[in-house]
Amino acid sequence: MSSTENRQELTTDEQALLLHIAYQSIRSGLETRRPAAISADGCPARLSDRRASFVTLHAGEKLRGCIGSLEPHVILAEDVSLNAYAAAFRDTRFQPLQTNELATLSLQISVLSTPEMLDFDSEASLLANIRAGIDGLILQEHGFRSTFLPSVWESLPEPVRFLGHLKLKAGLAADYWSASIRVWRYTTESFAASVPAIRAKDRDYLVEILK
């Protein structure tokens, strides 16, 4: 987690419950065109904290959707539900998910730490502050904004390329620089499972987590 926080990692049971919530929200979207409703009263304490999250869908090795929140605005369980639904049906890079695709998916949830603003006075000093393989970054320049999760380091392992592509994602040139650029870093706690594996979990066991 971020050095600015001292949160305990989610337990295996809490991770399983969040994956189940993400699956149920996608299933609800297929059946009712709405995300699964979440009751704060039934959630474990740490899933009732306001946290930001991303939900990423893969079909085999291919990305099938990714939507998330950078700032916490609802409880974590609800954030996961909303983002899972949005990743399946509202990611404009893809067609809305179809029923026959559901069983082919794997779901990944990334729970974000509180973003930490970086202090730098040049692009070189910014690059020196970035922790490759660890940091997710948020870049903001006037009306332009973008983010990369830490998992993007797998395809862009060099900090210069990582930052350049982050600028491109924001709508800026890869070599763009301005003294007004602001950058925040965050870390994620990530976990994943295939839809068949999520379905195989004992329902009564998950219900017990909610009590």
Protein backbone atom coordinates (compact mmCIF):
# COMPACT_ATOMS: atom_id res chain seq x y z
CA MET A 1 0.00 0.00 0.00
CA SER A 2 0.97 3.64 -0.22
CA SER A 3 3.55 4.91 2.22
CA THR A 4 1.03 7.58 3.23
CA GLU A 5 -1.41 4.97 4.52
CA ASN A 6 -1.39 2.22 7.08
CA ARG A 7 -4.26 0.00 5.95
CA GLN A 8 -4.36 -3.74 6.44
CA GLU A 9 -4.72 -5.75 3.27
CA LEU A 10 -8.11 -7.29 2.61
CA THR A 11 -8.56 -10.84 3.83
CA THR A 12 -9.07 -13.72 1.42
CA ASP A 13 -12.74 -13.79 2.43
CA GLU A 14 -13.16 -10.06 1.76
CA GLN A 15 -11.50 -10.42 -1.64
CA ALA A 16 -13.78 -13.35 -2.48
CA LEU A 17 -16.83 -11.32 -1.50
CA LEU A 18 -15.78 -8.37 -3.69
CA LEU A 19 -15.23 -10.70 -6.66
CA HIS A 20 -18.65 -12.21 -6.04
CA ILE A 21 -20.20 -8.71 -5.93
CA ALA A 22 -18.50 -7.83 -9.24
CA TYR A 23 -19.79 -11.02 -10.85
CA GLN A 24 -23.32 -10.49 -9.53
CA SER A 25 -23.35 -6.91 -10.78
CA ILE A 26 -22.41 -7.99 -14.31
CA ARG A 27 -25.02 -10.74 -14.16
CA SER A 28 -27.59 -8.19 -12.95
CA GLY A 29 -26.66 -5.98 -15.89
CA LEU A 30 -27.32 -8.80 -18.33
CA GLU A 31 -30.66 -9.60 -16.70
CA THR A 32 -31.99 -6.18 -15.64
CA ARG A 33 -29.65 -3.61 -17.27
CA ARG A 34 -28.81 -2.30 -13.81
CA PRO A 35 -25.87 -2.92 -11.45
CA ALA A 36 -26.43 -5.04 -8.36
CA ALA A 37 -27.77 -3.06 -5.42
CA ILE A 38 -25.53 -3.07 -2.35
CA SER A 39 -26.73 -2.68 1.21
CA ALA A 40 -24.19 -1.05 3.51
CA ASP A 41 -25.89 -2.70 6.48
CA GLY A 42 -24.89 -6.15 5.25
CA CYS A 43 -21.26 -5.42 4.40
CA PRO A 44 -18.21 -6.21 6.52
CA ALA A 45 -16.68 -3.11 8.08
CA ARG A 46 -13.74 -2.71 5.70
CA LEU A 47 -15.96 -3.14 2.65
CA SER A 48 -18.12 -0.34 4.08
CA ASP A 49 -15.18 2.11 4.03
CA ARG A 50 -15.16 4.72 1.28
CA ARG A 51 -12.47 3.46 -1.11
CA ALA A 52 -11.77 3.85 -4.81
CA SER A 53 -11.41 0.84 -7.10
CA PHE A 54 -10.97 -0.34 -10.67
CA VAL A 55 -12.54 -3.44 -12.20
CA THR A 56 -10.82 -5.00 -15.21
CA LEU A 57 -12.35 -7.71 -17.40
CA HIS A 58 -10.31 -10.09 -19.54
CA ALA A 59 -11.51 -12.64 -22.09
CA GLY A 60 -8.55 -14.97 -22.25
CA GLU A 61 -5.51 -12.71 -22.63
CA LYS A 62 -7.49 -9.87 -24.19
CA LEU A 63 -8.79 -6.83 -22.34
CA ARG A 64 -12.62 -6.74 -22.39
CA GLY A 65 -13.27 -3.66 -20.25
CA CYS A 66 -11.78 -1.54 -17.49
CA ILE A 67 -13.55 1.18 -15.51
CA GLY A 68 -12.74 2.66 -12.13
CA SER A 69 -12.74 5.51 -9.66
CA LEU A 70 -9.76 7.64 -8.67
CA GLU A 71 -11.38 9.24 -5.63
CA PRO A 72 -13.58 7.46 -3.08
CA HIS A 73 -17.20 8.56 -3.29
CA VAL A 74 -19.17 5.51 -2.09
CA ILE A 75 -18.41 2.46 0.06
CA LEU A 76 -15.96 -0.01 -1.46
CA ALA A 77 -18.53 -2.76 -2.02
CA GLU A 78 -20.77 -0.37 -3.97
CA ASP A 79 -17.84 1.09 -5.90
CA VAL A 80 -16.88 -2.40 -7.07
CA SER A 81 -20.47 -3.14 -8.07
CA LEU A 82 -20.79 0.08 -10.07
CA ASN A 83 -17.40 -0.31 -11.76
CA ALA A 84 -17.95 -3.96 -12.66
CA TYR A 85 -21.24 -3.04 -14.34
CA ALA A 86 -19.61 -0.09 -16.12
CA ALA A 87 -16.63 -2.18 -17.30
CA ALA A 88 -19.01 -4.71 -18.83
CA PHE A 89 -21.49 -2.32 -20.44
CA ARG A 90 -20.15 1.25 -20.55
CA ASP A 91 -16.51 1.03 -21.61
CA THR A 92 -16.80 2.81 -24.97
CA ARG A 93 -13.81 0.91 -26.39
CA PHE A 94 -15.96 -2.25 -26.52
CA GLN A 95 -19.43 -3.41 -27.39
CA PRO A 96 -21.64 -4.12 -24.34
CA LEU A 97 -21.03 -7.57 -22.90
CA GLN A 98 -23.26 -10.37 -24.17
CA THR A 99 -24.60 -13.24 -22.08
CA ASN A 100 -22.55 -15.87 -23.92
CA GLU A 101 -19.34 -14.05 -23.00
CA LEU A 102 -19.82 -14.09 -19.23
CA ALA A 103 -18.40 -17.56 -18.59
CA THR A 104 -15.25 -16.71 -20.58
CA LEU A 105 -14.28 -13.76 -18.39
CA SER A 106 -11.79 -13.29 -15.60
CA LEU A 107 -12.38 -10.37 -13.22
CA GLN A 108 -9.64 -8.33 -11.59
CA ILE A 109 -10.29 -5.84 -8.82
CA SER A 110 -7.75 -3.18 -7.89
CA VAL A 111 -8.35 -1.26 -4.66
CA LEU A 112 -6.53 2.07 -4.66
CA SER A 113 -4.58 3.76 -1.91
CA THR A 114 -5.09 7.49 -1.38
CA PRO A 115 -3.23 9.32 -4.18
CA GLU A 116 -0.08 11.16 -3.09
CA MET A 117 0.95 14.30 -4.98
CA LEU A 118 4.55 14.17 -6.21
CA ASP A 119 6.95 17.08 -5.76
CA PHE A 120 9.16 17.73 -8.79
CA ASP A 121 10.60 20.67 -10.73
CA SER A 122 11.39 19.00 -14.05
CA GLU A 123 10.54 15.91 -16.05
CA ALA A 124 13.85 14.39 -14.98
CA SER A 125 13.05 14.82 -11.29
CA LEU A 126 9.56 13.41 -11.84
CA LEU A 127 11.02 10.33 -13.52
CA ALA A 128 13.46 9.93 -10.63
CA ASN A 129 10.52 9.87 -8.17
CA ILE A 130 8.49 7.25 -10.01
CA ARG A 131 8.75 3.71 -8.61
CA ALA A 132 8.68 1.43 -11.65
CA GLY A 133 6.48 -1.60 -11.19
CA ILE A 134 4.87 -0.16 -8.04
CA ASP A 135 3.22 3.19 -8.72
CA GLY A 136 0.01 3.93 -10.49
CA LEU A 137 0.05 7.49 -11.78
CA ILE A 138 -2.52 10.24 -12.30
CA LEU A 139 -1.44 13.06 -14.62
CA GLN A 140 -3.31 16.34 -14.85
CA GLU A 141 -2.63 19.37 -17.04
CA HIS A 142 -5.39 21.99 -17.23
CA GLY A 143 -8.38 20.09 -18.67
CA PHE A 144 -6.39 16.96 -19.55
CA ARG A 145 -6.26 13.99 -17.18
CA SER A 146 -5.29 10.35 -17.35
CA THR A 147 -4.22 7.44 -15.18
CA PHE A 148 -2.34 4.18 -15.51
CA LEU A 149 -2.74 1.38 -12.96
CA PRO A 150 0.47 -0.25 -11.69
CA SER A 151 -0.34 -3.28 -13.89
CA VAL A 152 0.50 -1.16 -16.98
CA TRP A 153 4.19 -1.46 -16.04
CA GLU A 154 4.00 -5.01 -17.41
CA SER A 155 3.66 -3.64 -20.96
CA LEU A 156 5.54 -0.34 -20.43
CA PRO A 157 8.42 -1.20 -18.06
CA GLU A 158 10.58 1.89 -18.74
CA PRO A 159 9.56 5.04 -16.81
CA VAL A 160 10.13 7.31 -19.84
CA ARG A 161 7.76 5.24 -22.01
CA PHE A 162 5.28 4.82 -19.16
CA LEU A 163 5.08 8.59 -18.66
CA GLY A 164 5.02 9.29 -22.40
CA HIS A 165 2.09 6.95 -22.97
CA LEU A 166 0.31 8.42 -19.95
CA LYS A 167 0.56 11.84 -21.61
CA LEU A 168 -0.76 10.38 -24.88
CA LYS A 169 -3.72 8.88 -23.01
CA ALA A 170 -4.48 12.35 -21.61
CA GLY A 171 -4.50 13.82 -25.12
CA LEU A 172 -1.04 15.41 -24.90
CA ALA A 173 2.08 14.77 -26.97
CA ALA A 174 4.44 12.14 -25.54
CA ASP A 175 7.20 14.74 -25.27
CA TYR A 176 4.95 17.48 -23.87
CA TRP A 177 6.19 19.27 -20.76
CA SER A 178 4.91 22.19 -18.72
CA ALA A 179 5.68 23.54 -15.26
CA SER A 180 1.95 23.30 -14.49
CA ILE A 181 1.73 19.50 -14.89
CA ARG A 182 0.63 17.78 -11.70
CA VAL A 183 1.17 14.10 -10.97
CA TRP A 184 -0.06 11.88 -8.16
CA ARG A 185 0.97 8.32 -7.41
CA TYR A 186 -0.96 5.52 -5.75
CA THR A 187 -0.61 1.81 -5.17
CA THR A 188 -3.19 -0.92 -5.56
CA GLU A 189 -4.16 -4.13 -3.86
CA SER A 190 -5.16 -6.35 -6.77
CA PHE A 191 -6.74 -9.80 -6.95
CA ALA A 192 -8.52 -11.75 -9.66
CA ALA A 193 -10.48 -14.89 -10.46
CA SER A 194 -12.21 -16.43 -13.43
CA VAL A 195 -16.00 -16.40 -13.56
CA PRO A 196 -16.13 -20.23 -13.31
CA ALA A 197 -13.99 -20.05 -10.16
CA ILE A 198 -16.23 -17.34 -8.67
CA ARG A 199 -19.33 -19.41 -9.46
CA ALA A 200 -17.77 -22.44 -7.78
CA LYS A 201 -17.56 -20.66 -4.43
CA ASP A 202 -20.11 -21.93 -1.95
CA ARG A 203 -22.95 -19.38 -1.77
CA ASP A 204 -23.72 -20.08 1.89
CA TYR A 205 -20.07 -19.43 2.73
CA LEU A 206 -20.25 -16.00 1.07
CA VAL A 207 -23.51 -15.20 2.82
CA GLU A 208 -21.79 -15.82 6.13
CA ILE A 209 -19.24 -13.10 5.29
CA LEU A 210 -22.08 -10.62 4.94
CA LYS A 211 -23.40 -11.20 8.45
